[in-house]
Amino acid sequence: MKKLLVGLTLFFMGSCANAREVTVVKEMYGVELGIVKADVFYEFKLDRKLALRTELGVDYTTYSYDRAPDTSVSGKLIPLSLVVEPRFYYGIDRRNRLGRNIENNSSNYFSLKTDFSANRNSIYKTDDGI
């Protein structure tokens, strides 16, 4: 009985020693291009499952409103936007255990996205109809 207990203890200690700790990527950056939006992002590791993602982007927007009963204002706008988003990757351990891809933080996450869009101080603005 003692030999079996010692053998099982050594087996589990050896398997735990070979287990690698899964963490999010230390830093990651890139460009996201869409039809009406372009972003540059940078994501860096804060903790084993926690990362902070920052984005700087531009949008293409059109607007139209009635200033008075007879006057309508419309135009094009390209505002800057700044996004700060902390992310908690809660599914990264499970994906690794199942043998799925975890490169570039491929996992489920929970985030709190904070977005600031500077509509008044935009890069480009036109006012048609004034």
C-alpha atoms as a PDB file:
ATOM      1  CA  MET A   1       0.000   0.000   0.000  1.00  0.00           C
ATOM      2  CA  LYS A   2       2.863   2.384   0.818  1.00  0.00           C
ATOM      3  CA  LYS A   3       4.545   1.660  -2.524  1.00  0.00           C
ATOM      4  CA  LEU A   4       1.312   2.421  -4.389  1.00  0.00           C
ATOM      5  CA  LEU A   5       0.821   5.675  -2.469  1.00  0.00           C
ATOM      6  CA  VAL A   6       4.427   6.789  -3.066  1.00  0.00           C
ATOM      7  CA  GLY A   7       4.148   5.847  -6.739  1.00  0.00           C
ATOM      8  CA  LEU A   8       0.944   7.817  -7.229  1.00  0.00           C
ATOM      9  CA  THR A   9       2.385  10.809  -5.380  1.00  0.00           C
ATOM     10  CA  LEU A  10       5.495  10.841  -7.590  1.00  0.00           C
ATOM     11  CA  PHE A  11       3.357  10.435 -10.713  1.00  0.00           C
ATOM     12  CA  PHE A  12       1.134  13.409  -9.857  1.00  0.00           C
ATOM     13  CA  MET A  13       4.105  15.554  -8.822  1.00  0.00           C
ATOM     14  CA  GLY A  14       5.779  14.792 -12.148  1.00  0.00           C
ATOM     15  CA  SER A  15       2.685  15.603 -14.158  1.00  0.00           C
ATOM     16  CA  CYS A  16       2.241  18.901 -12.302  1.00  0.00           C
ATOM     17  CA  ALA A  17       5.882  19.827 -12.907  1.00  0.00           C
ATOM     18  CA  ASN A  18       5.433  19.414 -16.671  1.00  0.00           C
ATOM     19  CA  ALA A  19       2.255  21.515 -16.828  1.00  0.00           C
ATOM     20  CA  ARG A  20       2.928  24.890 -18.373  1.00  0.00           C
ATOM     21  CA  GLU A  21       1.167  27.972 -17.115  1.00  0.00           C
ATOM     22  CA  VAL A  22      -0.995  29.558 -19.782  1.00  0.00           C
ATOM     23  CA  THR A  23      -0.989  33.357 -19.981  1.00  0.00           C
ATOM     24  CA  VAL A  24      -2.110  36.000 -22.425  1.00  0.00           C
ATOM     25  CA  VAL A  25       0.359  37.387 -24.965  1.00  0.00           C
ATOM     26  CA  LYS A  26       2.821  39.899 -23.474  1.00  0.00           C
ATOM     27  CA  GLU A  27       2.091  42.540 -26.127  1.00  0.00           C
ATOM     28  CA  MET A  28       0.224  42.622 -29.409  1.00  0.00           C
ATOM     29  CA  TYR A  29      -0.427  45.409 -31.903  1.00  0.00           C
ATOM     30  CA  GLY A  30      -2.025  45.767 -35.294  1.00  0.00           C
ATOM     31  CA  VAL A  31      -4.289  47.634 -37.688  1.00  0.00           C
ATOM     32  CA  GLU A  32      -7.989  47.002 -38.270  1.00  0.00           C
ATOM     33  CA  LEU A  33      -9.493  48.319 -41.506  1.00  0.00           C
ATOM     34  CA  GLY A  34     -13.203  48.416 -42.238  1.00  0.00           C
ATOM     35  CA  ILE A  35     -15.437  50.038 -44.818  1.00  0.00           C
ATOM     36  CA  VAL A  36     -15.997  53.238 -42.820  1.00  0.00           C
ATOM     37  CA  LYS A  37     -13.504  52.824 -39.964  1.00  0.00           C
ATOM     38  CA  ALA A  38      -9.762  52.375 -39.446  1.00  0.00           C
ATOM     39  CA  ASP A  39      -8.117  51.558 -36.102  1.00  0.00           C
ATOM     40  CA  VAL A  40      -4.636  51.045 -34.729  1.00  0.00           C
ATOM     41  CA  PHE A  41      -4.575  48.942 -31.551  1.00  0.00           C
ATOM     42  CA  TYR A  42      -2.056  47.931 -28.892  1.00  0.00           C
ATOM     43  CA  GLU A  43      -2.797  45.268 -26.287  1.00  0.00           C
ATOM     44  CA  PHE A  44      -0.436  44.467 -23.423  1.00  0.00           C
ATOM     45  CA  LYS A  45      -0.453  42.022 -20.548  1.00  0.00           C
ATOM     46  CA  LEU A  46      -1.276  43.211 -17.024  1.00  0.00           C
ATOM     47  CA  ASP A  47      -1.648  39.829 -15.303  1.00  0.00           C
ATOM     48  CA  ARG A  48      -1.864  36.148 -16.263  1.00  0.00           C
ATOM     49  CA  LYS A  49      -5.438  36.462 -17.630  1.00  0.00           C
ATOM     50  CA  LEU A  50      -5.788  40.270 -17.736  1.00  0.00           C
ATOM     51  CA  ALA A  51      -4.800  42.573 -20.609  1.00  0.00           C
ATOM     52  CA  LEU A  52      -5.369  46.218 -21.490  1.00  0.00           C
ATOM     53  CA  ARG A  53      -6.277  47.093 -25.084  1.00  0.00           C
ATOM     54  CA  THR A  54      -6.001  50.645 -26.411  1.00  0.00           C
ATOM     55  CA  GLU A  55      -7.199  51.807 -29.822  1.00  0.00           C
ATOM     56  CA  LEU A  56      -6.905  54.989 -31.820  1.00  0.00           C
ATOM     57  CA  GLY A  57      -9.261  55.180 -34.762  1.00  0.00           C
ATOM     58  CA  VAL A  58     -11.049  57.317 -37.305  1.00  0.00           C
ATOM     59  CA  ASP A  59     -14.624  56.944 -38.593  1.00  0.00           C
ATOM     60  CA  TYR A  60     -16.440  58.315 -41.615  1.00  0.00           C
ATOM     61  CA  THR A  61     -19.827  59.712 -40.645  1.00  0.00           C
ATOM     62  CA  THR A  62     -22.531  61.742 -42.347  1.00  0.00           C
ATOM     63  CA  TYR A  63     -25.014  63.854 -40.453  1.00  0.00           C
ATOM     64  CA  SER A  64     -28.176  65.797 -41.141  1.00  0.00           C
ATOM     65  CA  TYR A  65     -30.424  67.894 -38.928  1.00  0.00           C
ATOM     66  CA  ASP A  66     -32.971  70.695 -39.207  1.00  0.00           C
ATOM     67  CA  ARG A  67     -31.708  73.999 -37.855  1.00  0.00           C
ATOM     68  CA  ALA A  68     -34.956  75.845 -38.508  1.00  0.00           C
ATOM     69  CA  PRO A  69     -38.220  74.923 -40.249  1.00  0.00           C
ATOM     70  CA  ASP A  70     -36.792  75.984 -43.626  1.00  0.00           C
ATOM     71  CA  THR A  71     -33.089  75.178 -43.105  1.00  0.00           C
ATOM     72  CA  SER A  72     -31.501  71.746 -43.161  1.00  0.00           C
ATOM     73  CA  VAL A  73     -27.826  71.157 -42.329  1.00  0.00           C
ATOM     74  CA  SER A  74     -25.951  68.102 -43.550  1.00  0.00           C
ATOM     75  CA  GLY A  75     -22.320  67.214 -43.980  1.00  0.00           C
ATOM     76  CA  LYS A  76     -19.503  64.723 -43.602  1.00  0.00           C
ATOM     77  CA  LEU A  77     -17.416  64.183 -40.510  1.00  0.00           C
ATOM     78  CA  ILE A  78     -14.230  62.217 -39.756  1.00  0.00           C
ATOM     79  CA  PRO A  79     -13.816  62.198 -35.950  1.00  0.00           C
ATOM     80  CA  LEU A  80     -11.012  60.640 -33.916  1.00  0.00           C
ATOM     81  CA  SER A  81     -11.891  58.002 -31.350  1.00  0.00           C
ATOM     82  CA  LEU A  82      -9.897  56.679 -28.423  1.00  0.00           C
ATOM     83  CA  VAL A  83     -10.774  53.344 -26.812  1.00  0.00           C
ATOM     84  CA  VAL A  84      -9.441  51.905 -23.543  1.00  0.00           C
ATOM     85  CA  GLU A  85     -10.620  48.367 -22.862  1.00  0.00           C
ATOM     86  CA  PRO A  86      -9.462  46.105 -20.017  1.00  0.00           C
ATOM     87  CA  ARG A  87     -10.039  42.442 -20.938  1.00  0.00           C
ATOM     88  CA  PHE A  88     -10.294  39.390 -18.680  1.00  0.00           C
ATOM     89  CA  TYR A  89      -9.669  36.162 -20.667  1.00  0.00           C
ATOM     90  CA  TYR A  90     -11.664  33.639 -18.633  1.00  0.00           C
ATOM     91  CA  GLY A  91     -11.635  30.781 -21.167  1.00  0.00           C
ATOM     92  CA  ILE A  92      -7.933  30.555 -21.975  1.00  0.00           C
ATOM     93  CA  ASP A  93      -7.192  27.680 -19.562  1.00  0.00           C
ATOM     94  CA  ARG A  94     -10.073  25.591 -20.886  1.00  0.00           C
ATOM     95  CA  ARG A  95      -9.046  26.155 -24.518  1.00  0.00           C
ATOM     96  CA  ASN A  96      -5.498  25.050 -23.703  1.00  0.00           C
ATOM     97  CA  ARG A  97      -6.750  21.977 -21.834  1.00  0.00           C
ATOM     98  CA  LEU A  98      -8.888  20.994 -24.870  1.00  0.00           C
ATOM     99  CA  GLY A  99      -5.921  21.483 -27.216  1.00  0.00           C
ATOM    100  CA  ARG A 100      -7.377  24.436 -29.105  1.00  0.00           C
ATOM    101  CA  ASN A 101      -5.468  27.411 -30.482  1.00  0.00           C
ATOM    102  CA  ILE A 102      -4.680  30.113 -27.884  1.00  0.00           C
ATOM    103  CA  GLU A 103      -2.246  32.201 -29.941  1.00  0.00           C
ATOM    104  CA  ASN A 104      -2.928  35.961 -30.051  1.00  0.00           C
ATOM    105  CA  ASN A 105      -5.294  35.606 -27.075  1.00  0.00           C
ATOM    106  CA  SER A 106      -7.810  33.434 -28.931  1.00  0.00           C
ATOM    107  CA  SER A 107     -10.246  32.911 -26.094  1.00  0.00           C
ATOM    108  CA  ASN A 108     -13.488  34.130 -24.561  1.00  0.00           C
ATOM    109  CA  TYR A 109     -13.142  37.330 -22.601  1.00  0.00           C
ATOM    110  CA  PHE A 110     -15.088  39.820 -20.525  1.00  0.00           C
ATOM    111  CA  SER A 111     -14.328  43.505 -21.118  1.00  0.00           C
ATOM    112  CA  LEU A 112     -15.351  46.991 -20.064  1.00  0.00           C
ATOM    113  CA  LYS A 113     -15.015  49.143 -23.170  1.00  0.00           C
ATOM    114  CA  THR A 114     -14.611  52.892 -22.692  1.00  0.00           C
ATOM    115  CA  ASP A 115     -14.833  54.959 -25.879  1.00  0.00           C
ATOM    116  CA  PHE A 116     -14.180  58.669 -26.374  1.00  0.00           C
ATOM    117  CA  SER A 117     -15.116  60.167 -29.732  1.00  0.00           C
ATOM    118  CA  ALA A 118     -14.050  63.745 -30.435  1.00  0.00           C
ATOM    119  CA  ASN A 119     -16.851  64.937 -32.722  1.00  0.00           C
ATOM    120  CA  ARG A 120     -16.187  68.622 -32.143  1.00  0.00           C
ATOM    121  CA  ASN A 121     -12.461  68.369 -32.838  1.00  0.00           C
ATOM    122  CA  SER A 122     -12.550  66.210 -35.932  1.00  0.00           C
ATOM    123  CA  ILE A 123      -9.965  65.766 -38.661  1.00  0.00           C
ATOM    124  CA  TYR A 124     -12.316  66.767 -41.475  1.00  0.00           C
ATOM    125  CA  LYS A 125     -15.732  68.449 -41.411  1.00  0.00           C
ATOM    126  CA  THR A 126     -17.979  69.869 -44.139  1.00  0.00           C
ATOM    127  CA  ASP A 127     -21.266  71.698 -43.830  1.00  0.00           C
ATOM    128  CA  ASP A 128     -23.380  71.456 -46.963  1.00  0.00           C
ATOM    129  CA  GLY A 129     -26.452  73.646 -47.131  1.00  0.00           C
ATOM    130  CA  ILE A 130     -25.202  76.574 -45.013  1.00  0.00           C
END
